[in-house]
Amino acid sequence: MKTTKPPITNKIEAPPGMVWIPPGKFTMGTDDQMSFPNERPARRVRVDGFWMDIYDVTNAQFRCFVEATGYVTTAERAPDWEEIKKQVPPGTPKPDDSMLVPGSLVFTPTPRPVPLHDLSAWWRWTPGASWYQPEGSGSTIDGRENYPVVQVSWEDAVAYAEWAGKRLPTEAEWERAARGGLEGKQFIWGDEFCPDGKHMANTWQGTFPVKDTAEDGFAGTSPVGSFPPNDYGLYDMAGNVWQWCSDWYRSDAHQSIRSCCPNPTGPNKSFDPCDPYTPKRVVKGGSFLCSPAYCDSYRPSARRGTPPDTGTSHTGFRCVISAQAWKKTRYHRR
């Protein structure tokens, strides 16, 4: 069932590159028993209206931020073993010094099918990998200015958002926006993955993690806006790259927070029983690596946790701004 979207009565000029997400209640999460446990049960949530970026932040936009501020991303800094020790089981040996160099995690296809429980089979710590060298030293974003920036940590995303006068969305805001007014649908466009044979998002086709056959037109990330928008006019709210949210991640968030005051901001601290030593932030939306055989997380209820100091080949972000904050911004710009 599709809900009736409230009309936008606010006549204030929209922030550049953003669309209005109306206030209202929606069903967050799912009761579908085929979903992952961390998505259940569904619960009713209310959020105020807000503005959201139409597209993920692009390489070109992030470059403007770096050039204006001189900001150095997490991936460009050498890892601090004293910080790493806090996120691994006691007694974990220190990595060789050759590994404690600036870099990030790069997706690397395997030559043959592998068991899907061991992520290290297709993720490689790659020295030199960063937002402007996303596959490692020697790679480039030249020609990919309109692609979503990747290899950015949660901390990097927050720094960009603050510079832009915005913030990261809460998980509730993100899911409200992604659903586009649709209630109870599996995907942001409905219940059929490829309606009339048309791909609606950048996902994985073929044998994961061996070869993406690119039936949707892309192997790897795609330029922002390559697939149809949802009913709020937002692009790439499914697939392409995961998107950082402001909330701490708990795998049991839906079980422990059945009802809440308006505008929930998530738990006070992170906990993932599968990785109990590592604090994580929520990412939403899935990525080009998602497939039915592995992690069909291009659904709006899907969620996972990622360490806030970690960048990868398939994680980016977009920003939001509240109506009140935008009014103040416009006033001070006069």
C-alpha atoms as a PDB file:
ATOM      1  CA  MET A   1       0.000   0.000   0.000  1.00  0.00           C
ATOM      2  CA  LYS A   2       1.269   3.452  -0.890  1.00  0.00           C
ATOM      3  CA  THR A   3       0.632   6.227   1.577  1.00  0.00           C
ATOM      4  CA  THR A   4      -0.483   9.680   0.520  1.00  0.00           C
ATOM      5  CA  LYS A   5       2.444  12.023   0.672  1.00  0.00           C
ATOM      6  CA  PRO A   6       1.747  15.256   2.560  1.00  0.00           C
ATOM      7  CA  PRO A   7       1.998  18.309   0.316  1.00  0.00           C
ATOM      8  CA  ILE A   8       5.003  20.513   0.760  1.00  0.00           C
ATOM      9  CA  THR A   9       3.525  23.684   2.176  1.00  0.00           C
ATOM     10  CA  ASN A  10       6.888  25.141   3.130  1.00  0.00           C
ATOM     11  CA  LYS A  11       7.598  27.751   0.458  1.00  0.00           C
ATOM     12  CA  ILE A  12      11.184  28.278   1.500  1.00  0.00           C
ATOM     13  CA  GLU A  13      13.666  27.899  -1.322  1.00  0.00           C
ATOM     14  CA  ALA A  14      15.216  24.429  -1.297  1.00  0.00           C
ATOM     15  CA  PRO A  15      18.885  24.048  -0.374  1.00  0.00           C
ATOM     16  CA  PRO A  16      20.876  23.434  -3.574  1.00  0.00           C
ATOM     17  CA  GLY A  17      20.859  19.783  -4.590  1.00  0.00           C
ATOM     18  CA  MET A  18      18.409  18.695  -1.892  1.00  0.00           C
ATOM     19  CA  VAL A  19      14.765  17.607  -1.732  1.00  0.00           C
ATOM     20  CA  TRP A  20      12.189  17.896   1.043  1.00  0.00           C
ATOM     21  CA  ILE A  21      11.271  14.750   2.957  1.00  0.00           C
ATOM     22  CA  PRO A  22       7.868  15.385   4.563  1.00  0.00           C
ATOM     23  CA  PRO A  23       7.208  14.703   8.251  1.00  0.00           C
ATOM     24  CA  GLY A  24       5.165  11.711   9.234  1.00  0.00           C
ATOM     25  CA  LYS A  25       4.966   8.200  10.631  1.00  0.00           C
ATOM     26  CA  PHE A  26       6.214   5.158   8.768  1.00  0.00           C
ATOM     27  CA  THR A  27       6.932   1.490   9.405  1.00  0.00           C
ATOM     28  CA  MET A  28      10.644   1.048  10.075  1.00  0.00           C
ATOM     29  CA  GLY A  29      12.203  -2.391   9.770  1.00  0.00           C
ATOM     30  CA  THR A  30      10.243  -5.463   8.702  1.00  0.00           C
ATOM     31  CA  ASP A  31       8.458  -8.554   9.971  1.00  0.00           C
ATOM     32  CA  ASP A  32       9.455 -10.567   6.906  1.00  0.00           C
ATOM     33  CA  GLN A  33      10.966 -13.805   8.236  1.00  0.00           C
ATOM     34  CA  MET A  34      13.231 -13.953   5.158  1.00  0.00           C
ATOM     35  CA  SER A  35      14.988 -10.798   6.333  1.00  0.00           C
ATOM     36  CA  PHE A  36      18.015 -10.649   8.610  1.00  0.00           C
ATOM     37  CA  PRO A  37      17.293 -10.746  12.373  1.00  0.00           C
ATOM     38  CA  ASN A  38      18.715  -7.247  12.894  1.00  0.00           C
ATOM     39  CA  GLU A  39      15.855  -5.820  10.767  1.00  0.00           C
ATOM     40  CA  ARG A  40      13.069  -7.235  12.937  1.00  0.00           C
ATOM     41  CA  PRO A  41      10.516  -6.553  14.264  1.00  0.00           C
ATOM     42  CA  ALA A  42       8.887  -3.706  12.364  1.00  0.00           C
ATOM     43  CA  ARG A  43       7.942  -0.661  14.423  1.00  0.00           C
ATOM     44  CA  ARG A  44       6.108   2.594  13.830  1.00  0.00           C
ATOM     45  CA  VAL A  45       8.321   5.658  13.901  1.00  0.00           C
ATOM     46  CA  ARG A  46       7.665   9.355  13.444  1.00  0.00           C
ATOM     47  CA  VAL A  47      10.187  11.845  12.094  1.00  0.00           C
ATOM     48  CA  ASP A  48      10.008  15.563  11.419  1.00  0.00           C
ATOM     49  CA  GLY A  49      10.491  16.844   7.901  1.00  0.00           C
ATOM     50  CA  PHE A  50      14.018  17.512   6.630  1.00  0.00           C
ATOM     51  CA  TRP A  51      16.009  18.171   3.491  1.00  0.00           C
ATOM     52  CA  MET A  52      18.184  15.423   2.010  1.00  0.00           C
ATOM     53  CA  ASP A  53      20.833  15.368  -0.712  1.00  0.00           C
ATOM     54  CA  ILE A  54      19.361  14.134  -3.986  1.00  0.00           C
ATOM     55  CA  TYR A  55      22.549  12.193  -4.700  1.00  0.00           C
ATOM     56  CA  ASP A  56      25.368  10.612  -2.736  1.00  0.00           C
ATOM     57  CA  VAL A  57      28.293  12.974  -2.206  1.00  0.00           C
ATOM     58  CA  THR A  58      30.475  12.698  -5.303  1.00  0.00           C
ATOM     59  CA  ASN A  59      34.215  12.648  -5.835  1.00  0.00           C
ATOM     60  CA  ALA A  60      34.014  16.176  -7.238  1.00  0.00           C
ATOM     61  CA  GLN A  61      32.167  17.474  -4.183  1.00  0.00           C
ATOM     62  CA  PHE A  62      34.525  15.776  -1.767  1.00  0.00           C
ATOM     63  CA  ARG A  63      37.501  17.202  -3.671  1.00  0.00           C
ATOM     64  CA  CYS A  64      36.079  20.713  -3.149  1.00  0.00           C
ATOM     65  CA  PHE A  65      35.913  20.017   0.585  1.00  0.00           C
ATOM     66  CA  VAL A  66      39.497  18.766   0.746  1.00  0.00           C
ATOM     67  CA  GLU A  67      40.842  21.648  -1.322  1.00  0.00           C
ATOM     68  CA  ALA A  68      38.986  24.186   0.812  1.00  0.00           C
ATOM     69  CA  THR A  69      40.006  22.757   4.189  1.00  0.00           C
ATOM     70  CA  GLY A  70      43.149  20.690   3.702  1.00  0.00           C
ATOM     71  CA  TYR A  71      41.367  17.809   5.427  1.00  0.00           C
ATOM     72  CA  VAL A  72      43.274  14.513   5.569  1.00  0.00           C
ATOM     73  CA  THR A  73      41.028  11.436   5.558  1.00  0.00           C
ATOM     74  CA  THR A  74      41.361   8.450   7.839  1.00  0.00           C
ATOM     75  CA  ALA A  75      42.737   6.297   5.016  1.00  0.00           C
ATOM     76  CA  GLU A  76      45.545   8.807   4.431  1.00  0.00           C
ATOM     77  CA  ARG A  77      46.787   8.521   8.019  1.00  0.00           C
ATOM     78  CA  ALA A  78      48.891   5.689   9.390  1.00  0.00           C
ATOM     79  CA  PRO A  79      46.852   3.366  11.656  1.00  0.00           C
ATOM     80  CA  ASP A  80      47.464   3.767  15.394  1.00  0.00           C
ATOM     81  CA  TRP A  81      48.091   0.372  16.986  1.00  0.00           C
ATOM     82  CA  GLU A  82      47.068   1.685  20.412  1.00  0.00           C
ATOM     83  CA  GLU A  83      43.633   2.532  18.987  1.00  0.00           C
ATOM     84  CA  ILE A  84      43.397  -0.721  17.041  1.00  0.00           C
ATOM     85  CA  LYS A  85      44.068  -2.727  20.230  1.00  0.00           C
ATOM     86  CA  LYS A  86      40.837  -1.381  21.721  1.00  0.00           C
ATOM     87  CA  GLN A  87      38.828  -2.947  18.875  1.00  0.00           C
ATOM     88  CA  VAL A  88      40.296  -6.461  18.797  1.00  0.00           C
ATOM     89  CA  PRO A  89      40.233  -9.359  21.274  1.00  0.00           C
ATOM     90  CA  PRO A  90      42.781  -9.143  24.106  1.00  0.00           C
ATOM     91  CA  GLY A  91      46.071 -10.765  23.195  1.00  0.00           C
ATOM     92  CA  THR A  92      45.774 -10.059  19.465  1.00  0.00           C
ATOM     93  CA  PRO A  93      49.347  -9.746  18.172  1.00  0.00           C
ATOM     94  CA  LYS A  94      50.489  -6.465  16.695  1.00  0.00           C
ATOM     95  CA  PRO A  95      50.510  -6.518  12.883  1.00  0.00           C
ATOM     96  CA  ASP A  96      53.810  -6.184  11.085  1.00  0.00           C
ATOM     97  CA  ASP A  97      54.887  -2.569  10.728  1.00  0.00           C
ATOM     98  CA  SER A  98      54.535  -2.946   6.966  1.00  0.00           C
ATOM     99  CA  MET A  99      50.768  -3.150   7.508  1.00  0.00           C
ATOM    100  CA  LEU A 100      50.573  -0.049   9.733  1.00  0.00           C
ATOM    101  CA  VAL A 101      50.721   2.355   6.820  1.00  0.00           C
ATOM    102  CA  PRO A 102      48.035   4.581   5.283  1.00  0.00           C
ATOM    103  CA  GLY A 103      45.544   2.550   3.277  1.00  0.00           C
ATOM    104  CA  SER A 104      42.063   1.108   3.199  1.00  0.00           C
ATOM    105  CA  LEU A 105      39.982  -1.954   2.329  1.00  0.00           C
ATOM    106  CA  VAL A 106      39.617  -2.736  -1.370  1.00  0.00           C
ATOM    107  CA  PHE A 107      37.218  -5.281  -2.829  1.00  0.00           C
ATOM    108  CA  THR A 108      39.155  -7.911  -4.777  1.00  0.00           C
ATOM    109  CA  PRO A 109      37.250 -10.556  -6.775  1.00  0.00           C
ATOM    110  CA  THR A 110      38.298 -14.131  -6.134  1.00  0.00           C
ATOM    111  CA  PRO A 111      39.448 -16.426  -8.978  1.00  0.00           C
ATOM    112  CA  ARG A 112      36.911 -19.100  -8.025  1.00  0.00           C
ATOM    113  CA  PRO A 113      33.863 -19.537  -5.740  1.00  0.00           C
ATOM    114  CA  VAL A 114      34.668 -19.400  -2.034  1.00  0.00           C
ATOM    115  CA  PRO A 115      32.710 -19.903   1.199  1.00  0.00           C
ATOM    116  CA  LEU A 116      30.782 -16.719   1.922  1.00  0.00           C
ATOM    117  CA  HIS A 117      31.318 -16.623   5.693  1.00  0.00           C
ATOM    118  CA  ASP A 118      34.905 -15.311   5.435  1.00  0.00           C
ATOM    119  CA  LEU A 119      34.947 -11.716   4.200  1.00  0.00           C
ATOM    120  CA  SER A 120      38.745 -11.678   4.134  1.00  0.00           C
ATOM    121  CA  ALA A 121      38.556 -13.784   0.965  1.00  0.00           C
ATOM    122  CA  TRP A 122      37.523 -10.724  -1.055  1.00  0.00           C
ATOM    123  CA  TRP A 123      38.599  -7.756   1.049  1.00  0.00           C
ATOM    124  CA  ARG A 124      42.258  -6.694   0.980  1.00  0.00           C
ATOM    125  CA  TRP A 125      43.969  -4.117   3.153  1.00  0.00           C
ATOM    126  CA  THR A 126      45.606  -2.056   0.427  1.00  0.00           C
ATOM    127  CA  PRO A 127      48.356   0.482   1.171  1.00  0.00           C
ATOM    128  CA  GLY A 128      47.731   3.781  -0.585  1.00  0.00           C
ATOM    129  CA  ALA A 129      43.990   3.236  -1.074  1.00  0.00           C
ATOM    130  CA  SER A 130      42.071   6.435  -0.353  1.00  0.00           C
ATOM    131  CA  TRP A 131      39.228   8.541  -1.699  1.00  0.00           C
ATOM    132  CA  TYR A 132      41.316   9.754  -4.650  1.00  0.00           C
ATOM    133  CA  GLN A 133      43.020   6.379  -5.208  1.00  0.00           C
ATOM    134  CA  PRO A 134      40.098   4.057  -4.428  1.00  0.00           C
ATOM    135  CA  GLU A 135      41.776   0.876  -5.680  1.00  0.00           C
ATOM    136  CA  GLY A 136      45.173   1.672  -4.207  1.00  0.00           C
ATOM    137  CA  SER A 137      48.336   3.478  -5.330  1.00  0.00           C
ATOM    138  CA  GLY A 138      48.259   4.272  -9.030  1.00  0.00           C
ATOM    139  CA  SER A 139      44.467   4.212  -9.330  1.00  0.00           C
ATOM    140  CA  THR A 140      42.595   7.446  -9.928  1.00  0.00           C
ATOM    141  CA  ILE A 141      39.205   9.115  -9.880  1.00  0.00           C
ATOM    142  CA  ASP A 142      39.900  10.958 -13.125  1.00  0.00           C
ATOM    143  CA  GLY A 143      36.778  10.513 -15.234  1.00  0.00           C
ATOM    144  CA  ARG A 144      34.827   9.486 -12.154  1.00  0.00           C
ATOM    145  CA  GLU A 145      34.061  12.940 -10.829  1.00  0.00           C
ATOM    146  CA  ASN A 146      30.331  12.163 -10.819  1.00  0.00           C
ATOM    147  CA  TYR A 147      30.721   8.830  -9.016  1.00  0.00           C
ATOM    148  CA  PRO A 148      30.040   8.553  -5.278  1.00  0.00           C
ATOM    149  CA  VAL A 149      33.097   9.143  -3.150  1.00  0.00           C
ATOM    150  CA  VAL A 150      34.242   5.945  -1.402  1.00  0.00           C
ATOM    151  CA  GLN A 151      37.049   4.964   0.979  1.00  0.00           C
ATOM    152  CA  VAL A 152      35.655   7.529   3.435  1.00  0.00           C
ATOM    153  CA  SER A 153      35.194   6.705   7.099  1.00  0.00           C
ATOM    154  CA  TRP A 154      32.269   7.840   9.237  1.00  0.00           C
ATOM    155  CA  GLU A 155      34.606  10.427  10.709  1.00  0.00           C
ATOM    156  CA  ASP A 156      35.390  11.744   7.215  1.00  0.00           C
ATOM    157  CA  ALA A 157      31.691  11.910   6.360  1.00  0.00           C
ATOM    158  CA  VAL A 158      30.933  13.877   9.536  1.00  0.00           C
ATOM    159  CA  ALA A 159      33.752  16.322   8.765  1.00  0.00           C
ATOM    160  CA  TYR A 160      32.400  16.913   5.248  1.00  0.00           C
ATOM    161  CA  ALA A 161      28.839  17.352   6.516  1.00  0.00           C
ATOM    162  CA  GLU A 162      29.920  19.933   9.102  1.00  0.00           C
ATOM    163  CA  TRP A 163      31.862  21.849   6.457  1.00  0.00           C
ATOM    164  CA  ALA A 164      28.785  21.837   4.211  1.00  0.00           C
ATOM    165  CA  GLY A 165      26.540  23.079   7.039  1.00  0.00           C
ATOM    166  CA  LYS A 166      24.683  19.790   7.160  1.00  0.00           C
ATOM    167  CA  ARG A 167      24.810  16.500   9.086  1.00  0.00           C
ATOM    168  CA  LEU A 168      24.465  12.771   8.543  1.00  0.00           C
ATOM    169  CA  PRO A 169      20.930  11.362   8.664  1.00  0.00           C
ATOM    170  CA  THR A 170      19.722   9.261  11.537  1.00  0.00           C
ATOM    171  CA  GLU A 171      18.847   5.700  10.601  1.00  0.00           C
ATOM    172  CA  ALA A 172      15.160   6.539  10.980  1.00  0.00           C
ATOM    173  CA  GLU A 173      15.454   9.580   8.702  1.00  0.00           C
ATOM    174  CA  TRP A 174      17.394   7.586   6.141  1.00  0.00           C
ATOM    175  CA  GLU A 175      14.828   4.777   6.027  1.00  0.00           C
ATOM    176  CA  ARG A 176      11.907   7.215   5.932  1.00  0.00           C
ATOM    177  CA  ALA A 177      13.506   8.944   2.939  1.00  0.00           C
ATOM    178  CA  ALA A 178      14.474   5.710   1.186  1.00  0.00           C
ATOM    179  CA  ARG A 179      10.943   4.313   1.292  1.00  0.00           C
ATOM    180  CA  GLY A 180       9.650   7.354  -0.559  1.00  0.00           C
ATOM    181  CA  GLY A 181       6.182   7.027   0.942  1.00  0.00           C
ATOM    182  CA  LEU A 182       5.816   3.318   0.185  1.00  0.00           C
ATOM    183  CA  GLU A 183       4.634   1.201   3.102  1.00  0.00           C
ATOM    184  CA  GLY A 184       5.339  -2.501   3.473  1.00  0.00           C
ATOM    185  CA  LYS A 185       7.265  -2.939   0.224  1.00  0.00           C
ATOM    186  CA  GLN A 186      10.358  -5.090  -0.072  1.00  0.00           C
ATOM    187  CA  PHE A 187      12.242  -2.608  -2.247  1.00  0.00           C
ATOM    188  CA  ILE A 188      12.104   1.164  -2.516  1.00  0.00           C
ATOM    189  CA  TRP A 189      10.224   0.791  -5.806  1.00  0.00           C
ATOM    190  CA  GLY A 190       7.857  -2.074  -4.929  1.00  0.00           C
ATOM    191  CA  ASP A 191       7.951  -5.832  -4.425  1.00  0.00           C
ATOM    192  CA  GLU A 192       9.402  -7.000  -7.745  1.00  0.00           C
ATOM    193  CA  PHE A 193      13.184  -6.842  -8.014  1.00  0.00           C
ATOM    194  CA  CYS A 194      13.310  -6.201 -11.773  1.00  0.00           C
ATOM    195  CA  PRO A 195       9.879  -4.905 -12.824  1.00  0.00           C
ATOM    196  CA  ASP A 196       9.338  -5.616 -16.521  1.00  0.00           C
ATOM    197  CA  GLY A 197      12.924  -6.853 -16.621  1.00  0.00           C
ATOM    198  CA  LYS A 198      14.321  -3.418 -15.721  1.00  0.00           C
ATOM    199  CA  HIS A 199      17.149  -3.090 -13.198  1.00  0.00           C
ATOM    200  CA  MET A 200      16.291  -0.442 -10.620  1.00  0.00           C
ATOM    201  CA  ALA A 201      19.604  -0.293  -8.742  1.00  0.00           C
ATOM    202  CA  ASN A 202      23.297  -1.056  -9.108  1.00  0.00           C
ATOM    203  CA  THR A 203      23.711  -4.524  -7.578  1.00  0.00           C
ATOM    204  CA  TRP A 204      25.718  -7.681  -8.232  1.00  0.00           C
ATOM    205  CA  GLN A 205      24.816 -10.121 -10.986  1.00  0.00           C
ATOM    206  CA  GLY A 206      26.720 -13.360 -11.460  1.00  0.00           C
ATOM    207  CA  THR A 207      28.662 -15.510  -9.021  1.00  0.00           C
ATOM    208  CA  PHE A 208      29.729 -13.575  -5.938  1.00  0.00           C
ATOM    209  CA  PRO A 209      32.557 -12.732  -5.357  1.00  0.00           C
ATOM    210  CA  VAL A 210      34.031 -14.090  -8.595  1.00  0.00           C
ATOM    211  CA  LYS A 211      32.534 -12.040 -11.403  1.00  0.00           C
ATOM    212  CA  ASP A 212      29.906  -9.331 -11.715  1.00  0.00           C
ATOM    213  CA  THR A 213      28.378  -9.840 -15.152  1.00  0.00           C
ATOM    214  CA  ALA A 214      27.149  -6.221 -15.161  1.00  0.00           C
ATOM    215  CA  GLU A 215      23.708  -7.045 -16.517  1.00  0.00           C
ATOM    216  CA  ASP A 216      22.545  -3.788 -14.930  1.00  0.00           C
ATOM    217  CA  GLY A 217      25.150  -1.885 -16.938  1.00  0.00           C
ATOM    218  CA  PHE A 218      27.847  -1.584 -14.284  1.00  0.00           C
ATOM    219  CA  ALA A 219      30.524  -3.694 -12.622  1.00  0.00           C
ATOM    220  CA  GLY A 220      31.624  -1.678  -9.616  1.00  0.00           C
ATOM    221  CA  THR A 221      30.192   1.691  -8.698  1.00  0.00           C
ATOM    222  CA  SER A 222      28.111   3.739 -11.125  1.00  0.00           C
ATOM    223  CA  PRO A 223      27.726   7.489 -11.629  1.00  0.00           C
ATOM    224  CA  VAL A 224      25.155   8.960  -9.261  1.00  0.00           C
ATOM    225  CA  GLY A 225      21.693   9.096 -10.759  1.00  0.00           C
ATOM    226  CA  SER A 226      22.186   6.172 -13.157  1.00  0.00           C
ATOM    227  CA  PHE A 227      18.989   4.446 -11.992  1.00  0.00           C
ATOM    228  CA  PRO A 228      15.445   5.771 -11.443  1.00  0.00           C
ATOM    229  CA  PRO A 229      14.771   7.872  -8.326  1.00  0.00           C
ATOM    230  CA  ASN A 230      12.312   6.890  -5.629  1.00  0.00           C
ATOM    231  CA  ASP A 231       9.039   8.750  -5.161  1.00  0.00           C
ATOM    232  CA  TYR A 232      10.720  11.491  -3.121  1.00  0.00           C
ATOM    233  CA  GLY A 233      13.150  12.192  -5.969  1.00  0.00           C
ATOM    234  CA  LEU A 234      16.175  10.571  -4.298  1.00  0.00           C
ATOM    235  CA  TYR A 235      18.646   8.576  -6.365  1.00  0.00           C
ATOM    236  CA  ASP A 236      20.681   5.520  -5.341  1.00  0.00           C
ATOM    237  CA  MET A 237      18.901   4.824  -2.066  1.00  0.00           C
ATOM    238  CA  ALA A 238      19.378   1.161  -2.994  1.00  0.00           C
ATOM    239  CA  GLY A 239      22.620  -0.327  -4.238  1.00  0.00           C
ATOM    240  CA  ASN A 240      25.730   1.413  -5.580  1.00  0.00           C
ATOM    241  CA  VAL A 241      27.312   2.280  -2.192  1.00  0.00           C
ATOM    242  CA  TRP A 242      26.357   1.846   1.445  1.00  0.00           C
ATOM    243  CA  GLN A 243      25.581   5.142   3.176  1.00  0.00           C
ATOM    244  CA  TRP A 244      26.727   6.223   6.621  1.00  0.00           C
ATOM    245  CA  CYS A 245      24.102   7.191   9.207  1.00  0.00           C
ATOM    246  CA  SER A 246      24.673   9.004  12.505  1.00  0.00           C
ATOM    247  CA  ASP A 247      23.390   6.185  14.769  1.00  0.00           C
ATOM    248  CA  TRP A 248      25.472   3.759  16.732  1.00  0.00           C
ATOM    249  CA  TYR A 249      24.827   0.216  15.530  1.00  0.00           C
ATOM    250  CA  ARG A 250      23.261  -2.470  17.676  1.00  0.00           C
ATOM    251  CA  SER A 251      22.176  -5.727  16.124  1.00  0.00           C
ATOM    252  CA  ASP A 252      19.198  -5.833  18.507  1.00  0.00           C
ATOM    253  CA  ALA A 253      18.036  -2.242  18.027  1.00  0.00           C
ATOM    254  CA  HIS A 254      14.651  -3.254  16.644  1.00  0.00           C
ATOM    255  CA  GLN A 255      14.071  -5.740  19.474  1.00  0.00           C
ATOM    256  CA  SER A 256      15.128  -3.407  22.276  1.00  0.00           C
ATOM    257  CA  ILE A 257      13.500  -0.208  21.017  1.00  0.00           C
ATOM    258  CA  ARG A 258       9.922  -1.197  20.186  1.00  0.00           C
ATOM    259  CA  SER A 259       8.494   2.303  20.493  1.00  0.00           C
ATOM    260  CA  CYS A 260      10.115   5.635  20.938  1.00  0.00           C
ATOM    261  CA  CYS A 261       9.656   9.369  21.025  1.00  0.00           C
ATOM    262  CA  PRO A 262       9.631  11.166  17.663  1.00  0.00           C
ATOM    263  CA  ASN A 263      12.922  11.475  15.786  1.00  0.00           C
ATOM    264  CA  PRO A 264      14.774   8.509  17.340  1.00  0.00           C
ATOM    265  CA  THR A 265      18.535   8.817  17.244  1.00  0.00           C
ATOM    266  CA  GLY A 266      19.455   5.210  17.954  1.00  0.00           C
ATOM    267  CA  PRO A 267      21.114   3.508  20.939  1.00  0.00           C
ATOM    268  CA  ASN A 268      23.577   5.189  23.282  1.00  0.00           C
ATOM    269  CA  LYS A 269      26.373   2.794  22.395  1.00  0.00           C
ATOM    270  CA  SER A 270      27.231   0.124  19.875  1.00  0.00           C
ATOM    271  CA  PHE A 271      27.164  -3.634  20.294  1.00  0.00           C
ATOM    272  CA  ASP A 272      27.538  -6.421  17.761  1.00  0.00           C
ATOM    273  CA  PRO A 273      27.741  -9.895  19.345  1.00  0.00           C
ATOM    274  CA  CYS A 274      29.621 -11.166  16.302  1.00  0.00           C
ATOM    275  CA  ASP A 275      32.300  -8.509  16.830  1.00  0.00           C
ATOM    276  CA  PRO A 276      31.958  -7.422  20.461  1.00  0.00           C
ATOM    277  CA  TYR A 277      35.147  -5.365  20.755  1.00  0.00           C
ATOM    278  CA  THR A 278      34.526  -3.045  17.821  1.00  0.00           C
ATOM    279  CA  PRO A 279      32.175  -0.048  18.051  1.00  0.00           C
ATOM    280  CA  LYS A 280      30.201   0.490  14.840  1.00  0.00           C
ATOM    281  CA  ARG A 281      27.945   3.020  13.150  1.00  0.00           C
ATOM    282  CA  VAL A 282      24.944   2.162  10.998  1.00  0.00           C
ATOM    283  CA  VAL A 283      25.213   1.973   7.217  1.00  0.00           C
ATOM    284  CA  LYS A 284      22.149   1.578   5.005  1.00  0.00           C
ATOM    285  CA  GLY A 285      21.189   0.929   1.402  1.00  0.00           C
ATOM    286  CA  GLY A 286      23.411  -1.917   0.280  1.00  0.00           C
ATOM    287  CA  SER A 287      25.928  -1.627  -2.538  1.00  0.00           C
ATOM    288  CA  PHE A 288      27.051  -2.919  -5.910  1.00  0.00           C
ATOM    289  CA  LEU A 289      28.340  -5.996  -4.066  1.00  0.00           C
ATOM    290  CA  CYS A 290      24.898  -7.093  -2.856  1.00  0.00           C
ATOM    291  CA  SER A 291      23.235 -10.104  -4.473  1.00  0.00           C
ATOM    292  CA  PRO A 292      20.488 -12.568  -3.482  1.00  0.00           C
ATOM    293  CA  ALA A 293      23.161 -15.221  -2.957  1.00  0.00           C
ATOM    294  CA  TYR A 294      25.117 -13.130  -0.481  1.00  0.00           C
ATOM    295  CA  CYS A 295      23.494 -10.066   1.133  1.00  0.00           C
ATOM    296  CA  ASP A 296      20.389  -8.723  -0.558  1.00  0.00           C
ATOM    297  CA  SER A 297      20.751  -5.538   1.480  1.00  0.00           C
ATOM    298  CA  TYR A 298      19.460  -3.162  -1.193  1.00  0.00           C
ATOM    299  CA  ARG A 299      16.160  -3.317   0.737  1.00  0.00           C
ATOM    300  CA  PRO A 300      15.196  -0.254   2.835  1.00  0.00           C
ATOM    301  CA  SER A 301      14.970  -2.245   6.077  1.00  0.00           C
ATOM    302  CA  ALA A 302      18.435  -3.782   5.640  1.00  0.00           C
ATOM    303  CA  ARG A 303      21.144  -2.498   7.956  1.00  0.00           C
ATOM    304  CA  ARG A 304      24.625  -3.315   9.099  1.00  0.00           C
ATOM    305  CA  GLY A 305      27.348  -1.885  11.321  1.00  0.00           C
ATOM    306  CA  THR A 306      30.754  -0.638  10.200  1.00  0.00           C
ATOM    307  CA  PRO A 307      33.604   0.693  12.370  1.00  0.00           C
ATOM    308  CA  PRO A 308      33.572   4.512  12.146  1.00  0.00           C
ATOM    309  CA  ASP A 309      37.283   4.651  11.354  1.00  0.00           C
ATOM    310  CA  THR A 310      36.971   2.311   8.364  1.00  0.00           C
ATOM    311  CA  GLY A 311      36.617   3.137   4.683  1.00  0.00           C
ATOM    312  CA  THR A 312      35.893   0.608   1.932  1.00  0.00           C
ATOM    313  CA  SER A 313      35.363   0.371  -1.819  1.00  0.00           C
ATOM    314  CA  HIS A 314      31.595   0.386  -1.403  1.00  0.00           C
ATOM    315  CA  THR A 315      30.784   2.886   1.357  1.00  0.00           C
ATOM    316  CA  GLY A 316      29.836   6.525   0.819  1.00  0.00           C
ATOM    317  CA  PHE A 317      27.293   8.945   2.275  1.00  0.00           C
ATOM    318  CA  ARG A 318      24.816  11.744   1.742  1.00  0.00           C
ATOM    319  CA  CYS A 319      23.760  14.579   4.021  1.00  0.00           C
ATOM    320  CA  VAL A 320      20.616  16.108   5.478  1.00  0.00           C
ATOM    321  CA  ILE A 321      19.642  19.414   7.047  1.00  0.00           C
ATOM    322  CA  SER A 322      16.626  20.197   9.192  1.00  0.00           C
ATOM    323  CA  ALA A 323      14.090  22.801   8.130  1.00  0.00           C
ATOM    324  CA  GLN A 324      15.028  24.975  11.110  1.00  0.00           C
ATOM    325  CA  ALA A 325      18.751  24.770  10.402  1.00  0.00           C
ATOM    326  CA  TRP A 326      18.190  25.693   6.752  1.00  0.00           C
ATOM    327  CA  LYS A 327      16.098  28.714   7.747  1.00  0.00           C
ATOM    328  CA  LYS A 328      18.923  29.919   9.993  1.00  0.00           C
ATOM    329  CA  THR A 329      21.455  29.350   7.209  1.00  0.00           C
ATOM    330  CA  ARG A 330      19.412  31.360   4.729  1.00  0.00           C
ATOM    331  CA  TYR A 331      18.927  34.169   7.266  1.00  0.00           C
ATOM    332  CA  HIS A 332      22.659  34.484   7.923  1.00  0.00           C
ATOM    333  CA  ARG A 333      23.436  34.454   4.195  1.00  0.00           C
ATOM    334  CA  ARG A 334      21.303  37.528   3.582  1.00  0.00           C
END
